[in-house]
Amino acid sequence: DFVAWLRSELDRVGATIPVEQQDEARRFFHRAVALEKAFFDAVYTER
């Protein structure tokens, strides 16, 4: 299942990020999720 694979990849790669870069990586991830949500909210609005 794609979601399980993606989650395991994020966990695997996330564990390799140096401590001093983890906050920046977290901010990028949260921003990407927010943009993706906004995209799908805009595409699938009720008419």
C-alpha atoms as a PDB file:
ATOM      1  CA  ASP A   1       0.000   0.000   0.000  1.00  0.00           C
ATOM      2  CA  PHE A   2       1.380   3.362  -1.073  1.00  0.00           C
ATOM      3  CA  VAL A   3       0.629   5.236   2.147  1.00  0.00           C
ATOM      4  CA  ALA A   4       2.452   2.658   4.265  1.00  0.00           C
ATOM      5  CA  TRP A   5       5.437   2.732   1.903  1.00  0.00           C
ATOM      6  CA  LEU A   6       5.565   6.542   1.896  1.00  0.00           C
ATOM      7  CA  ARG A   7       5.337   6.673   5.679  1.00  0.00           C
ATOM      8  CA  SER A   8       8.182   4.161   6.039  1.00  0.00           C
ATOM      9  CA  GLU A   9      10.316   6.117   3.558  1.00  0.00           C
ATOM     10  CA  LEU A  10       9.716   9.385   5.404  1.00  0.00           C
ATOM     11  CA  ASP A  11      10.622   7.700   8.693  1.00  0.00           C
ATOM     12  CA  ARG A  12      13.731   6.108   7.159  1.00  0.00           C
ATOM     13  CA  VAL A  13      15.018   9.265   5.504  1.00  0.00           C
ATOM     14  CA  GLY A  14      13.960  11.495   8.389  1.00  0.00           C
ATOM     15  CA  ALA A  15      16.117   9.486  10.755  1.00  0.00           C
ATOM     16  CA  THR A  16      19.199  10.405   8.691  1.00  0.00           C
ATOM     17  CA  ILE A  17      18.691  14.184   8.860  1.00  0.00           C
ATOM     18  CA  PRO A  18      21.251  15.852  11.128  1.00  0.00           C
ATOM     19  CA  VAL A  19      19.753  17.262  14.330  1.00  0.00           C
ATOM     20  CA  GLU A  20      20.650  20.829  13.358  1.00  0.00           C
ATOM     21  CA  GLN A  21      18.597  20.491  10.132  1.00  0.00           C
ATOM     22  CA  GLN A  22      15.528  18.725  11.540  1.00  0.00           C
ATOM     23  CA  ASP A  23      13.546  21.892  12.329  1.00  0.00           C
ATOM     24  CA  GLU A  24      14.058  23.200   8.802  1.00  0.00           C
ATOM     25  CA  ALA A  25      13.070  19.841   7.294  1.00  0.00           C
ATOM     26  CA  ARG A  26       9.964  19.769   9.497  1.00  0.00           C
ATOM     27  CA  ARG A  27       8.959  23.259   8.327  1.00  0.00           C
ATOM     28  CA  PHE A  28       9.430  22.276   4.667  1.00  0.00           C
ATOM     29  CA  PHE A  29       7.342  19.142   5.187  1.00  0.00           C
ATOM     30  CA  HIS A  30       4.509  21.028   6.918  1.00  0.00           C
ATOM     31  CA  ARG A  31       4.552  23.681   4.180  1.00  0.00           C
ATOM     32  CA  ALA A  32       4.406  21.020   1.450  1.00  0.00           C
ATOM     33  CA  VAL A  33       1.458  19.307   3.140  1.00  0.00           C
ATOM     34  CA  ALA A  34      -0.380  22.633   3.526  1.00  0.00           C
ATOM     35  CA  LEU A  35       0.163  23.478  -0.150  1.00  0.00           C
ATOM     36  CA  GLU A  36      -0.997  20.042  -1.272  1.00  0.00           C
ATOM     37  CA  LYS A  37      -4.128  20.317   0.868  1.00  0.00           C
ATOM     38  CA  ALA A  38      -4.862  23.785  -0.523  1.00  0.00           C
ATOM     39  CA  PHE A  39      -4.443  22.456  -4.058  1.00  0.00           C
ATOM     40  CA  PHE A  40      -6.907  19.613  -3.570  1.00  0.00           C
ATOM     41  CA  ASP A  41      -9.338  21.855  -1.681  1.00  0.00           C
ATOM     42  CA  ALA A  42      -9.309  24.236  -4.672  1.00  0.00           C
ATOM     43  CA  VAL A  43      -9.671  21.485  -7.267  1.00  0.00           C
ATOM     44  CA  TYR A  44     -12.478  19.636  -5.528  1.00  0.00           C
ATOM     45  CA  THR A  45     -14.712  22.524  -4.506  1.00  0.00           C
ATOM     46  CA  GLU A  46     -18.434  22.051  -4.886  1.00  0.00           C
ATOM     47  CA  ARG A  47     -19.983  23.957  -7.750  1.00  0.00           C
END
